[in-house]
mmCIF file of all heavy atoms, coordinates in Angstrom:
data_MODEL
# 
_entry.id   MODEL 
# 
loop_
_atom_site.group_PDB 
_atom_site.id 
_atom_site.type_symbol 
_atom_site.label_atom_id 
_atom_site.label_alt_id 
_atom_site.label_comp_id 
_atom_site.label_asym_id 
_atom_site.label_entity_id 
_atom_site.label_seq_id 
_atom_site.pdbx_PDB_ins_code 
_atom_site.Cartn_x 
_atom_site.Cartn_y 
_atom_site.Cartn_z 
_atom_site.occupancy 
_atom_site.B_iso_or_equiv 
_atom_site.pdbx_formal_charge 
_atom_site.auth_seq_id 
_atom_site.auth_comp_id 
_atom_site.auth_asym_id 
_atom_site.auth_atom_id 
_atom_site.pdbx_PDB_model_num 
ATOM 1   N N   . TRP A 1 1  ? 99.572  86.954  100.268 1.00 0.00 ? 1  TRP A N   1 
ATOM 2   C CA  . TRP A 1 1  ? 99.419  85.514  100.025 1.00 0.00 ? 1  TRP A CA  1 
ATOM 3   C C   . TRP A 1 1  ? 97.994  85.193  99.578  1.00 0.00 ? 1  TRP A C   1 
ATOM 4   O O   . TRP A 1 1  ? 97.789  84.326  98.724  1.00 0.00 ? 1  TRP A O   1 
ATOM 5   C CB  . TRP A 1 1  ? 99.788  84.717  101.268 1.00 0.00 ? 1  TRP A CB  1 
ATOM 6   C CG  . TRP A 1 1  ? 101.051 85.179  101.939 1.00 0.00 ? 1  TRP A CG  1 
ATOM 7   C CD1 . TRP A 1 1  ? 101.254 85.415  103.264 1.00 0.00 ? 1  TRP A CD1 1 
ATOM 8   C CD2 . TRP A 1 1  ? 102.314 85.482  101.302 1.00 0.00 ? 1  TRP A CD2 1 
ATOM 9   N NE1 . TRP A 1 1  ? 102.538 85.842  103.495 1.00 0.00 ? 1  TRP A NE1 1 
ATOM 10  C CE2 . TRP A 1 1  ? 103.212 85.893  102.316 1.00 0.00 ? 1  TRP A CE2 1 
ATOM 11  C CE3 . TRP A 1 1  ? 102.765 85.460  99.982  1.00 0.00 ? 1  TRP A CE3 1 
ATOM 12  C CZ2 . TRP A 1 1  ? 104.525 86.270  102.049 1.00 0.00 ? 1  TRP A CZ2 1 
ATOM 13  C CZ3 . TRP A 1 1  ? 104.075 85.837  99.711  1.00 0.00 ? 1  TRP A CZ3 1 
ATOM 14  C CH2 . TRP A 1 1  ? 104.930 86.235  100.727 1.00 0.00 ? 1  TRP A CH2 1 
ATOM 15  N N   . LYS A 1 2  ? 97.004  85.886  100.136 1.00 0.00 ? 2  LYS A N   1 
ATOM 16  C CA  . LYS A 1 2  ? 95.616  85.602  99.774  1.00 0.00 ? 2  LYS A CA  1 
ATOM 17  C C   . LYS A 1 2  ? 95.348  85.950  98.313  1.00 0.00 ? 2  LYS A C   1 
ATOM 18  O O   . LYS A 1 2  ? 94.699  85.195  97.593  1.00 0.00 ? 2  LYS A O   1 
ATOM 19  C CB  . LYS A 1 2  ? 94.667  86.390  100.685 1.00 0.00 ? 2  LYS A CB  1 
ATOM 20  C CG  . LYS A 1 2  ? 93.206  85.982  100.541 1.00 0.00 ? 2  LYS A CG  1 
ATOM 21  C CD  . LYS A 1 2  ? 92.364  86.569  101.667 1.00 0.00 ? 2  LYS A CD  1 
ATOM 22  C CE  . LYS A 1 2  ? 90.979  85.963  101.676 1.00 0.00 ? 2  LYS A CE  1 
ATOM 23  N NZ  . LYS A 1 2  ? 90.151  86.452  102.794 1.00 0.00 ? 2  LYS A NZ  1 
ATOM 24  N N   . CYS A 1 3  ? 95.849  87.100  97.869  1.00 0.00 ? 3  CYS A N   1 
ATOM 25  C CA  . CYS A 1 3  ? 95.670  87.473  96.456  1.00 0.00 ? 3  CYS A CA  1 
ATOM 26  C C   . CYS A 1 3  ? 96.368  86.482  95.536  1.00 0.00 ? 3  CYS A C   1 
ATOM 27  O O   . CYS A 1 3  ? 95.851  86.130  94.477  1.00 0.00 ? 3  CYS A O   1 
ATOM 28  C CB  . CYS A 1 3  ? 96.194  88.893  96.207  1.00 0.00 ? 3  CYS A CB  1 
ATOM 29  S SG  . CYS A 1 3  ? 95.200  90.199  96.958  1.00 0.00 ? 3  CYS A SG  1 
ATOM 30  N N   . ALA A 1 4  ? 97.546  86.021  95.954  1.00 0.00 ? 4  ALA A N   1 
ATOM 31  C CA  . ALA A 1 4  ? 98.288  85.059  95.135  1.00 0.00 ? 4  ALA A CA  1 
ATOM 32  C C   . ALA A 1 4  ? 97.559  83.729  95.047  1.00 0.00 ? 4  ALA A C   1 
ATOM 33  O O   . ALA A 1 4  ? 97.553  83.079  93.993  1.00 0.00 ? 4  ALA A O   1 
ATOM 34  C CB  . ALA A 1 4  ? 99.694  84.859  95.696  1.00 0.00 ? 4  ALA A CB  1 
ATOM 35  N N   . VAL A 1 5  ? 96.924  83.295  96.134  1.00 0.00 ? 5  VAL A N   1 
ATOM 36  C CA  . VAL A 1 5  ? 96.217  82.015  96.156  1.00 0.00 ? 5  VAL A CA  1 
ATOM 37  C C   . VAL A 1 5  ? 95.118  81.975  95.107  1.00 0.00 ? 5  VAL A C   1 
ATOM 38  O O   . VAL A 1 5  ? 94.925  80.959  94.421  1.00 0.00 ? 5  VAL A O   1 
ATOM 39  C CB  . VAL A 1 5  ? 95.642  81.742  97.566  1.00 0.00 ? 5  VAL A CB  1 
ATOM 40  C CG1 . VAL A 1 5  ? 94.542  80.687  97.522  1.00 0.00 ? 5  VAL A CG1 1 
ATOM 41  C CG2 . VAL A 1 5  ? 96.747  81.277  98.502  1.00 0.00 ? 5  VAL A CG2 1 
ATOM 42  N N   . VAL A 1 6  ? 94.368  83.071  94.967  1.00 0.00 ? 6  VAL A N   1 
ATOM 43  C CA  . VAL A 1 6  ? 93.255  83.085  94.006  1.00 0.00 ? 6  VAL A CA  1 
ATOM 44  C C   . VAL A 1 6  ? 93.644  83.698  92.667  1.00 0.00 ? 6  VAL A C   1 
ATOM 45  O O   . VAL A 1 6  ? 92.809  83.925  91.796  1.00 0.00 ? 6  VAL A O   1 
ATOM 46  C CB  . VAL A 1 6  ? 92.010  83.799  94.578  1.00 0.00 ? 6  VAL A CB  1 
ATOM 47  C CG1 . VAL A 1 6  ? 91.342  82.948  95.625  1.00 0.00 ? 6  VAL A CG1 1 
ATOM 48  C CG2 . VAL A 1 6  ? 92.358  85.169  95.140  1.00 0.00 ? 6  VAL A CG2 1 
ATOM 49  N N   . ASN A 1 7  ? 94.940  83.983  92.509  1.00 0.00 ? 7  ASN A N   1 
ATOM 50  C CA  . ASN A 1 7  ? 95.475  84.420  91.214  1.00 0.00 ? 7  ASN A CA  1 
ATOM 51  C C   . ASN A 1 7  ? 94.853  85.704  90.693  1.00 0.00 ? 7  ASN A C   1 
ATOM 52  O O   . ASN A 1 7  ? 94.504  85.819  89.524  1.00 0.00 ? 7  ASN A O   1 
ATOM 53  C CB  . ASN A 1 7  ? 95.318  83.294  90.181  1.00 0.00 ? 7  ASN A CB  1 
ATOM 54  C CG  . ASN A 1 7  ? 96.148  82.086  90.523  1.00 0.00 ? 7  ASN A CG  1 
ATOM 55  O OD1 . ASN A 1 7  ? 97.374  82.144  90.544  1.00 0.00 ? 7  ASN A OD1 1 
ATOM 56  N ND2 . ASN A 1 7  ? 95.494  80.976  90.838  1.00 0.00 ? 7  ASN A ND2 1 
ATOM 57  N N   . VAL A 1 8  ? 94.709  86.684  91.597  1.00 0.00 ? 8  VAL A N   1 
ATOM 58  C CA  . VAL A 1 8  ? 94.349  88.024  91.147  1.00 0.00 ? 8  VAL A CA  1 
ATOM 59  C C   . VAL A 1 8  ? 95.635  88.849  91.106  1.00 0.00 ? 8  VAL A C   1 
ATOM 60  O O   . VAL A 1 8  ? 96.529  88.648  91.940  1.00 0.00 ? 8  VAL A O   1 
ATOM 61  C CB  . VAL A 1 8  ? 93.285  88.686  92.051  1.00 0.00 ? 8  VAL A CB  1 
ATOM 62  C CG1 . VAL A 1 8  ? 91.998  87.882  92.034  1.00 0.00 ? 8  VAL A CG1 1 
ATOM 63  C CG2 . VAL A 1 8  ? 93.774  88.872  93.469  1.00 0.00 ? 8  VAL A CG2 1 
ATOM 64  N N   . PRO A 1 9  ? 95.775  89.757  90.148  1.00 0.00 ? 9  PRO A N   1 
ATOM 65  C CA  . PRO A 1 9  ? 97.049  90.450  89.929  1.00 0.00 ? 9  PRO A CA  1 
ATOM 66  C C   . PRO A 1 9  ? 97.275  91.609  90.888  1.00 0.00 ? 9  PRO A C   1 
ATOM 67  O O   . PRO A 1 9  ? 97.449  92.769  90.480  1.00 0.00 ? 9  PRO A O   1 
ATOM 68  C CB  . PRO A 1 9  ? 96.919  90.940  88.480  1.00 0.00 ? 9  PRO A CB  1 
ATOM 69  C CG  . PRO A 1 9  ? 95.453  91.186  88.314  1.00 0.00 ? 9  PRO A CG  1 
ATOM 70  C CD  . PRO A 1 9  ? 94.773  90.116  89.130  1.00 0.00 ? 9  PRO A CD  1 
ATOM 71  N N   . PHE A 1 10 ? 97.252  91.317  92.173  1.00 0.00 ? 10 PHE A N   1 
ATOM 72  C CA  . PHE A 1 10 ? 97.466  92.326  93.200  1.00 0.00 ? 10 PHE A CA  1 
ATOM 73  C C   . PHE A 1 10 ? 98.540  91.869  94.165  1.00 0.00 ? 10 PHE A C   1 
ATOM 74  O O   . PHE A 1 10 ? 98.724  90.678  94.410  1.00 0.00 ? 10 PHE A O   1 
ATOM 75  C CB  . PHE A 1 10 ? 96.184  92.562  94.019  1.00 0.00 ? 10 PHE A CB  1 
ATOM 76  C CG  . PHE A 1 10 ? 95.065  93.247  93.287  1.00 0.00 ? 10 PHE A CG  1 
ATOM 77  C CD1 . PHE A 1 10 ? 93.757  92.821  93.470  1.00 0.00 ? 10 PHE A CD1 1 
ATOM 78  C CD2 . PHE A 1 10 ? 95.302  94.316  92.441  1.00 0.00 ? 10 PHE A CD2 1 
ATOM 79  C CE1 . PHE A 1 10 ? 92.709  93.452  92.824  1.00 0.00 ? 10 PHE A CE1 1 
ATOM 80  C CE2 . PHE A 1 10 ? 94.260  94.951  91.785  1.00 0.00 ? 10 PHE A CE2 1 
ATOM 81  C CZ  . PHE A 1 10 ? 92.954  94.521  91.979  1.00 0.00 ? 10 PHE A CZ  1 
ATOM 82  N N   . GLY A 1 11 ? 99.223  92.848  94.740  1.00 0.00 ? 11 GLY A N   1 
ATOM 83  C CA  . GLY A 1 11 ? 100.043 92.600  95.904  1.00 0.00 ? 11 GLY A CA  1 
ATOM 84  C C   . GLY A 1 11 ? 99.204  92.832  97.145  1.00 0.00 ? 11 GLY A C   1 
ATOM 85  O O   . GLY A 1 11 ? 98.002  93.082  97.067  1.00 0.00 ? 11 GLY A O   1 
ATOM 86  N N   . GLY A 1 12 ? 99.852  92.773  98.305  1.00 0.00 ? 12 GLY A N   1 
ATOM 87  C CA  . GLY A 1 12 ? 99.103  92.907  99.548  1.00 0.00 ? 12 GLY A CA  1 
ATOM 88  C C   . GLY A 1 12 ? 99.371  94.222  100.247 1.00 0.00 ? 12 GLY A C   1 
ATOM 89  O O   . GLY A 1 12 ? 100.512 94.706  100.277 1.00 0.00 ? 12 GLY A O   1 
ATOM 90  N N   . ALA A 1 13 ? 98.310  94.802  100.817 1.00 0.00 ? 13 ALA A N   1 
ATOM 91  C CA  . ALA A 1 13 ? 98.435  96.028  101.602 1.00 0.00 ? 13 ALA A CA  1 
ATOM 92  C C   . ALA A 1 13 ? 97.382  96.010  102.699 1.00 0.00 ? 13 ALA A C   1 
ATOM 93  O O   . ALA A 1 13 ? 96.452  95.205  102.685 1.00 0.00 ? 13 ALA A O   1 
ATOM 94  C CB  . ALA A 1 13 ? 98.267  97.257  100.715 1.00 0.00 ? 13 ALA A CB  1 
ATOM 95  N N   . LYS A 1 14 ? 97.528  96.904  103.650 1.00 0.00 ? 14 LYS A N   1 
ATOM 96  C CA  . LYS A 1 14 ? 96.518  97.094  104.683 1.00 0.00 ? 14 LYS A CA  1 
ATOM 97  C C   . LYS A 1 14 ? 96.689  98.493  105.254 1.00 0.00 ? 14 LYS A C   1 
ATOM 98  O O   . LYS A 1 14 ? 97.796  99.056  105.211 1.00 0.00 ? 14 LYS A O   1 
ATOM 99  C CB  . LYS A 1 14 ? 96.671  96.055  105.804 1.00 0.00 ? 14 LYS A CB  1 
ATOM 100 C CG  . LYS A 1 14 ? 95.361  95.722  106.490 1.00 0.00 ? 14 LYS A CG  1 
ATOM 101 C CD  . LYS A 1 14 ? 94.464  94.901  105.592 1.00 0.00 ? 14 LYS A CD  1 
ATOM 102 C CE  . LYS A 1 14 ? 93.182  94.475  106.294 1.00 0.00 ? 14 LYS A CE  1 
ATOM 103 N NZ  . LYS A 1 14 ? 92.346  93.606  105.452 1.00 0.00 ? 14 LYS A NZ  1 
ATOM 104 N N   . GLY A 1 15 ? 95.616  99.034  105.767 1.00 0.00 ? 15 GLY A N   1 
ATOM 105 C CA  . GLY A 1 15 ? 95.673  100.365 106.362 1.00 0.00 ? 15 GLY A CA  1 
ATOM 106 C C   . GLY A 1 15 ? 94.850  100.414 107.625 1.00 0.00 ? 15 GLY A C   1 
ATOM 107 O O   . GLY A 1 15 ? 93.995  99.556  107.867 1.00 0.00 ? 15 GLY A O   1 
ATOM 108 N N   . GLY A 1 16 ? 95.106  101.444 108.428 1.00 0.00 ? 16 GLY A N   1 
ATOM 109 C CA  . GLY A 1 16 ? 94.337  101.603 109.644 1.00 0.00 ? 16 GLY A CA  1 
ATOM 110 C C   . GLY A 1 16 ? 94.427  103.012 110.185 1.00 0.00 ? 16 GLY A C   1 
ATOM 111 O O   . GLY A 1 16 ? 95.400  103.727 109.931 1.00 0.00 ? 16 GLY A O   1 
ATOM 112 N N   . VAL A 1 17 ? 93.402  103.407 110.913 1.00 0.00 ? 17 VAL A N   1 
ATOM 113 C CA  . VAL A 1 17 ? 93.405  104.661 111.659 1.00 0.00 ? 17 VAL A CA  1 
ATOM 114 C C   . VAL A 1 17 ? 93.014  104.327 113.089 1.00 0.00 ? 17 VAL A C   1 
ATOM 115 O O   . VAL A 1 17 ? 92.004  103.654 113.320 1.00 0.00 ? 17 VAL A O   1 
ATOM 116 C CB  . VAL A 1 17 ? 92.425  105.691 111.062 1.00 0.00 ? 17 VAL A CB  1 
ATOM 117 C CG1 . VAL A 1 17 ? 92.374  106.941 111.941 1.00 0.00 ? 17 VAL A CG1 1 
ATOM 118 C CG2 . VAL A 1 17 ? 92.823  106.063 109.636 1.00 0.00 ? 17 VAL A CG2 1 
ATOM 119 N N   . ARG A 1 18 ? 93.824  104.792 114.034 1.00 0.00 ? 18 ARG A N   1 
ATOM 120 C CA  . ARG A 1 18 ? 93.539  104.501 115.432 1.00 0.00 ? 18 ARG A CA  1 
ATOM 121 C C   . ARG A 1 18 ? 92.473  105.470 115.944 1.00 0.00 ? 18 ARG A C   1 
ATOM 122 O O   . ARG A 1 18 ? 92.745  106.648 116.209 1.00 0.00 ? 18 ARG A O   1 
ATOM 123 C CB  . ARG A 1 18 ? 94.810  104.620 116.271 1.00 0.00 ? 18 ARG A CB  1 
ATOM 124 C CG  . ARG A 1 18 ? 94.617  104.144 117.712 1.00 0.00 ? 18 ARG A CG  1 
ATOM 125 C CD  . ARG A 1 18 ? 95.886  104.259 118.521 1.00 0.00 ? 18 ARG A CD  1 
ATOM 126 N NE  . ARG A 1 18 ? 96.937  103.394 117.996 1.00 0.00 ? 18 ARG A NE  1 
ATOM 127 C CZ  . ARG A 1 18 ? 98.171  103.384 118.461 1.00 0.00 ? 18 ARG A CZ  1 
ATOM 128 N NH1 . ARG A 1 18 ? 98.525  104.209 119.431 1.00 0.00 ? 18 ARG A NH1 1 
ATOM 129 N NH2 . ARG A 1 18 ? 99.080  102.566 117.953 1.00 0.00 ? 18 ARG A NH2 1 
ATOM 130 N N   . CYS A 1 19 ? 91.263  104.966 116.034 1.00 0.00 ? 19 CYS A N   1 
ATOM 131 C CA  . CYS A 1 19 ? 90.133  105.770 116.494 1.00 0.00 ? 19 CYS A CA  1 
ATOM 132 C C   . CYS A 1 19 ? 89.014  104.812 116.878 1.00 0.00 ? 19 CYS A C   1 
ATOM 133 O O   . CYS A 1 19 ? 89.069  103.627 116.555 1.00 0.00 ? 19 CYS A O   1 
ATOM 134 C CB  . CYS A 1 19 ? 89.647  106.725 115.402 1.00 0.00 ? 19 CYS A CB  1 
ATOM 135 S SG  . CYS A 1 19 ? 88.890  105.879 113.979 1.00 0.00 ? 19 CYS A SG  1 
ATOM 136 N N   . ASN A 1 20 ? 88.001  105.323 117.542 1.00 0.00 ? 20 ASN A N   1 
ATOM 137 C CA  . ASN A 1 20 ? 86.809  104.531 117.815 1.00 0.00 ? 20 ASN A CA  1 
ATOM 138 C C   . ASN A 1 20 ? 85.675  105.102 116.984 1.00 0.00 ? 20 ASN A C   1 
ATOM 139 O O   . ASN A 1 20 ? 85.093  106.136 117.340 1.00 0.00 ? 20 ASN A O   1 
ATOM 140 C CB  . ASN A 1 20 ? 86.447  104.562 119.300 1.00 0.00 ? 20 ASN A CB  1 
ATOM 141 C CG  . ASN A 1 20 ? 85.332  103.578 119.634 1.00 0.00 ? 20 ASN A CG  1 
ATOM 142 O OD1 . ASN A 1 20 ? 84.589  103.140 118.756 1.00 0.00 ? 20 ASN A OD1 1 
ATOM 143 N ND2 . ASN A 1 20 ? 85.209  103.230 120.902 1.00 0.00 ? 20 ASN A ND2 1 
ATOM 144 N N   . PRO A 1 21 ? 85.365  104.473 115.848 1.00 0.00 ? 21 PRO A N   1 
ATOM 145 C CA  . PRO A 1 21 ? 84.353  105.052 114.951 1.00 0.00 ? 21 PRO A CA  1 
ATOM 146 C C   . PRO A 1 21 ? 82.984  105.189 115.588 1.00 0.00 ? 21 PRO A C   1 
ATOM 147 O O   . PRO A 1 21 ? 82.189  106.040 115.181 1.00 0.00 ? 21 PRO A O   1 
ATOM 148 C CB  . PRO A 1 21 ? 84.329  104.078 113.767 1.00 0.00 ? 21 PRO A CB  1 
ATOM 149 C CG  . PRO A 1 21 ? 84.928  102.810 114.284 1.00 0.00 ? 21 PRO A CG  1 
ATOM 150 C CD  . PRO A 1 21 ? 85.894  103.208 115.338 1.00 0.00 ? 21 PRO A CD  1 
ATOM 151 N N   . ARG A 1 22 ? 82.698  104.379 116.628 1.00 0.00 ? 22 ARG A N   1 
ATOM 152 C CA  . ARG A 1 22 ? 81.400  104.472 117.289 1.00 0.00 ? 22 ARG A CA  1 
ATOM 153 C C   . ARG A 1 22 ? 81.260  105.744 118.108 1.00 0.00 ? 22 ARG A C   1 
ATOM 154 O O   . ARG A 1 22 ? 80.152  106.166 118.441 1.00 0.00 ? 22 ARG A O   1 
ATOM 155 C CB  . ARG A 1 22 ? 81.186  103.251 118.194 1.00 0.00 ? 22 ARG A CB  1 
ATOM 156 C CG  . ARG A 1 22 ? 81.104  101.927 117.434 1.00 0.00 ? 22 ARG A CG  1 
ATOM 157 C CD  . ARG A 1 22 ? 80.803  100.774 118.362 1.00 0.00 ? 22 ARG A CD  1 
ATOM 158 N NE  . ARG A 1 22 ? 80.694  99.513  117.624 1.00 0.00 ? 22 ARG A NE  1 
ATOM 159 C CZ  . ARG A 1 22 ? 80.388  98.343  118.177 1.00 0.00 ? 22 ARG A CZ  1 
ATOM 160 N NH1 . ARG A 1 22 ? 80.148  98.288  119.491 1.00 0.00 ? 22 ARG A NH1 1 
ATOM 161 N NH2 . ARG A 1 22 ? 80.308  97.259  117.452 1.00 0.00 ? 22 ARG A NH2 1 
ATOM 162 N N   . GLU A 1 23 ? 82.400  106.350 118.449 1.00 0.00 ? 23 GLU A N   1 
ATOM 163 C CA  . GLU A 1 23 ? 82.361  107.578 119.237 1.00 0.00 ? 23 GLU A CA  1 
ATOM 164 C C   . GLU A 1 23 ? 82.424  108.824 118.373 1.00 0.00 ? 23 GLU A C   1 
ATOM 165 O O   . GLU A 1 23 ? 82.397  109.949 118.901 1.00 0.00 ? 23 GLU A O   1 
ATOM 166 C CB  . GLU A 1 23 ? 83.529  107.583 120.240 1.00 0.00 ? 23 GLU A CB  1 
ATOM 167 C CG  . GLU A 1 23 ? 83.444  106.473 121.281 1.00 0.00 ? 23 GLU A CG  1 
ATOM 168 C CD  . GLU A 1 23 ? 84.622  106.476 122.228 1.00 0.00 ? 23 GLU A CD  1 
ATOM 169 O OE1 . GLU A 1 23 ? 85.562  107.271 122.001 1.00 0.00 ? 23 GLU A OE1 1 
ATOM 170 O OE2 . GLU A 1 23 ? 84.623  105.679 123.187 1.00 0.00 ? 23 GLU A OE2 1 
ATOM 171 N N   . LEU A 1 24 ? 82.508  108.646 117.053 1.00 0.00 ? 24 LEU A N   1 
ATOM 172 C CA  . LEU A 1 24 ? 82.598  109.781 116.138 1.00 0.00 ? 24 LEU A CA  1 
ATOM 173 C C   . LEU A 1 24 ? 81.281  109.975 115.401 1.00 0.00 ? 24 LEU A C   1 
ATOM 174 O O   . LEU A 1 24 ? 80.611  109.001 115.035 1.00 0.00 ? 24 LEU A O   1 
ATOM 175 C CB  . LEU A 1 24 ? 83.728  109.558 115.126 1.00 0.00 ? 24 LEU A CB  1 
ATOM 176 C CG  . LEU A 1 24 ? 85.136  109.367 115.715 1.00 0.00 ? 24 LEU A CG  1 
ATOM 177 C CD1 . LEU A 1 24 ? 86.137  109.077 114.603 1.00 0.00 ? 24 LEU A CD1 1 
ATOM 178 C CD2 . LEU A 1 24 ? 85.569  110.590 116.508 1.00 0.00 ? 24 LEU A CD2 1 
ATOM 179 N N   . SER A 1 25 ? 80.918  111.223 115.175 1.00 0.00 ? 25 SER A N   1 
ATOM 180 C CA  . SER A 1 25 ? 79.713  111.517 114.414 1.00 0.00 ? 25 SER A CA  1 
ATOM 181 C C   . SER A 1 25 ? 79.968  111.256 112.933 1.00 0.00 ? 25 SER A C   1 
ATOM 182 O O   . SER A 1 25 ? 81.129  111.174 112.500 1.00 0.00 ? 25 SER A O   1 
ATOM 183 C CB  . SER A 1 25 ? 79.310  112.979 114.607 1.00 0.00 ? 25 SER A CB  1 
ATOM 184 O OG  . SER A 1 25 ? 80.220  113.842 113.928 1.00 0.00 ? 25 SER A OG  1 
ATOM 185 N N   . PRO A 1 26 ? 78.923  111.146 112.118 1.00 0.00 ? 26 PRO A N   1 
ATOM 186 C CA  . PRO A 1 26 ? 79.131  110.969 110.671 1.00 0.00 ? 26 PRO A CA  1 
ATOM 187 C C   . PRO A 1 26 ? 79.990  112.071 110.052 1.00 0.00 ? 26 PRO A C   1 
ATOM 188 O O   . PRO A 1 26 ? 80.839  111.787 109.205 1.00 0.00 ? 26 PRO A O   1 
ATOM 189 C CB  . PRO A 1 26 ? 77.704  110.979 110.109 1.00 0.00 ? 26 PRO A CB  1 
ATOM 190 C CG  . PRO A 1 26 ? 76.857  110.457 111.229 1.00 0.00 ? 26 PRO A CG  1 
ATOM 191 C CD  . PRO A 1 26 ? 77.496  111.003 112.480 1.00 0.00 ? 26 PRO A CD  1 
ATOM 192 N N   . ARG A 1 27 ? 79.810  113.309 110.503 1.00 0.00 ? 27 ARG A N   1 
ATOM 193 C CA  . ARG A 1 27 ? 80.611  114.403 109.944 1.00 0.00 ? 27 ARG A CA  1 
ATOM 194 C C   . ARG A 1 27 ? 82.080  114.283 110.376 1.00 0.00 ? 27 ARG A C   1 
ATOM 195 O O   . ARG A 1 27 ? 82.987  114.571 109.594 1.00 0.00 ? 27 ARG A O   1 
ATOM 196 C CB  . ARG A 1 27 ? 80.043  115.743 110.395 1.00 0.00 ? 27 ARG A CB  1 
ATOM 197 C CG  . ARG A 1 27 ? 78.683  116.080 109.792 1.00 0.00 ? 27 ARG A CG  1 
ATOM 198 C CD  . ARG A 1 27 ? 78.774  116.297 108.288 1.00 0.00 ? 27 ARG A CD  1 
ATOM 199 N NE  . ARG A 1 27 ? 79.638  117.415 107.947 1.00 0.00 ? 27 ARG A NE  1 
ATOM 200 C CZ  . ARG A 1 27 ? 80.140  117.627 106.733 1.00 0.00 ? 27 ARG A CZ  1 
ATOM 201 N NH1 . ARG A 1 27 ? 79.896  116.753 105.761 1.00 0.00 ? 27 ARG A NH1 1 
ATOM 202 N NH2 . ARG A 1 27 ? 80.905  118.670 106.480 1.00 0.00 ? 27 ARG A NH2 1 
ATOM 203 N N   . GLU A 1 28 ? 82.306  113.867 111.621 1.00 0.00 ? 28 GLU A N   1 
ATOM 204 C CA  . GLU A 1 28 ? 83.683  113.682 112.084 1.00 0.00 ? 28 GLU A CA  1 
ATOM 205 C C   . GLU A 1 28 ? 84.354  112.541 111.337 1.00 0.00 ? 28 GLU A C   1 
ATOM 206 O O   . GLU A 1 28 ? 85.539  112.633 110.970 1.00 0.00 ? 28 GLU A O   1 
ATOM 207 C CB  . GLU A 1 28 ? 83.692  113.418 113.591 1.00 0.00 ? 28 GLU A CB  1 
ATOM 208 C CG  . GLU A 1 28 ? 83.335  114.645 114.420 1.00 0.00 ? 28 GLU A CG  1 
ATOM 209 C CD  . GLU A 1 28 ? 83.067  114.330 115.882 1.00 0.00 ? 28 GLU A CD  1 
ATOM 210 O OE1 . GLU A 1 28 ? 82.780  113.143 116.196 1.00 0.00 ? 28 GLU A OE1 1 
ATOM 211 O OE2 . GLU A 1 28 ? 83.125  115.263 116.703 1.00 0.00 ? 28 GLU A OE2 1 
ATOM 212 N N   . LEU A 1 29 ? 83.619  111.460 111.099 1.00 0.00 ? 29 LEU A N   1 
ATOM 213 C CA  . LEU A 1 29 ? 84.162  110.343 110.322 1.00 0.00 ? 29 LEU A CA  1 
ATOM 214 C C   . LEU A 1 29 ? 84.508  110.773 108.910 1.00 0.00 ? 29 LEU A C   1 
ATOM 215 O O   . LEU A 1 29 ? 85.537  110.365 108.357 1.00 0.00 ? 29 LEU A O   1 
ATOM 216 C CB  . LEU A 1 29 ? 83.154  109.185 110.277 1.00 0.00 ? 29 LEU A CB  1 
ATOM 217 C CG  . LEU A 1 29 ? 83.112  108.267 111.493 1.00 0.00 ? 29 LEU A CG  1 
ATOM 218 C CD1 . LEU A 1 29 ? 81.927  107.320 111.402 1.00 0.00 ? 29 LEU A CD1 1 
ATOM 219 C CD2 . LEU A 1 29 ? 84.410  107.473 111.627 1.00 0.00 ? 29 LEU A CD2 1 
ATOM 220 N N   . GLU A 1 30 ? 83.649  111.586 108.327 1.00 0.00 ? 30 GLU A N   1 
ATOM 221 C CA  . GLU A 1 30 ? 83.926  112.051 106.962 1.00 0.00 ? 30 GLU A CA  1 
ATOM 222 C C   . GLU A 1 30 ? 85.171  112.919 106.932 1.00 0.00 ? 30 GLU A C   1 
ATOM 223 O O   . GLU A 1 30 ? 86.040  112.751 106.060 1.00 0.00 ? 30 GLU A O   1 
ATOM 224 C CB  . GLU A 1 30 ? 82.736  112.835 106.408 1.00 0.00 ? 30 GLU A CB  1 
ATOM 225 C CG  . GLU A 1 30 ? 82.982  113.341 104.989 1.00 0.00 ? 30 GLU A CG  1 
ATOM 226 C CD  . GLU A 1 30 ? 81.795  114.063 104.373 1.00 0.00 ? 30 GLU A CD  1 
ATOM 227 O OE1 . GLU A 1 30 ? 80.720  114.094 105.006 1.00 0.00 ? 30 GLU A OE1 1 
ATOM 228 O OE2 . GLU A 1 30 ? 81.957  114.586 103.252 1.00 0.00 ? 30 GLU A OE2 1 
ATOM 229 N N   . ARG A 1 31 ? 85.304  113.859 107.899 1.00 0.00 ? 31 ARG A N   1 
ATOM 230 C CA  . ARG A 1 31 ? 86.488  114.728 107.916 1.00 0.00 ? 31 ARG A CA  1 
ATOM 231 C C   . ARG A 1 31 ? 87.753  113.904 108.156 1.00 0.00 ? 31 ARG A C   1 
ATOM 232 O O   . ARG A 1 31 ? 88.796  114.160 107.541 1.00 0.00 ? 31 ARG A O   1 
ATOM 233 C CB  . ARG A 1 31 ? 86.329  115.806 108.994 1.00 0.00 ? 31 ARG A CB  1 
ATOM 234 C CG  . ARG A 1 31 ? 85.288  116.870 108.644 1.00 0.00 ? 31 ARG A CG  1 
ATOM 235 C CD  . ARG A 1 31 ? 85.381  118.068 109.563 1.00 0.00 ? 31 ARG A CD  1 
ATOM 236 N NE  . ARG A 1 31 ? 84.873  117.787 110.903 1.00 0.00 ? 31 ARG A NE  1 
ATOM 237 C CZ  . ARG A 1 31 ? 83.620  117.966 111.295 1.00 0.00 ? 31 ARG A CZ  1 
ATOM 238 N NH1 . ARG A 1 31 ? 82.719  118.422 110.430 1.00 0.00 ? 31 ARG A NH1 1 
ATOM 239 N NH2 . ARG A 1 31 ? 83.261  117.706 112.534 1.00 0.00 ? 31 ARG A NH2 1 
ATOM 240 N N   . LEU A 1 32 ? 87.655  112.916 109.048 1.00 0.00 ? 32 LEU A N   1 
ATOM 241 C CA  . LEU A 1 32 ? 88.795  112.028 109.317 1.00 0.00 ? 32 LEU A CA  1 
ATOM 242 C C   . LEU A 1 32 ? 89.203  111.275 108.059 1.00 0.00 ? 32 LEU A C   1 
ATOM 243 O O   . LEU A 1 32 ? 90.386  111.203 107.700 1.00 0.00 ? 32 LEU A O   1 
ATOM 244 C CB  . LEU A 1 32 ? 88.423  111.054 110.432 1.00 0.00 ? 32 LEU A CB  1 
ATOM 245 C CG  . LEU A 1 32 ? 89.420  109.928 110.756 1.00 0.00 ? 32 LEU A CG  1 
ATOM 246 C CD1 . LEU A 1 32 ? 90.683  110.503 111.360 1.00 0.00 ? 32 LEU A CD1 1 
ATOM 247 C CD2 . LEU A 1 32 ? 88.797  108.910 111.699 1.00 0.00 ? 32 LEU A CD2 1 
# 
């Protein structure tokens, strides 16, 4: 709905990974 409101030619999507990024090192975040 947000993309449609401002008339950009996109549909809507979302993604997620269940993790706590604050508990992961930069290398672990990169591998994830």
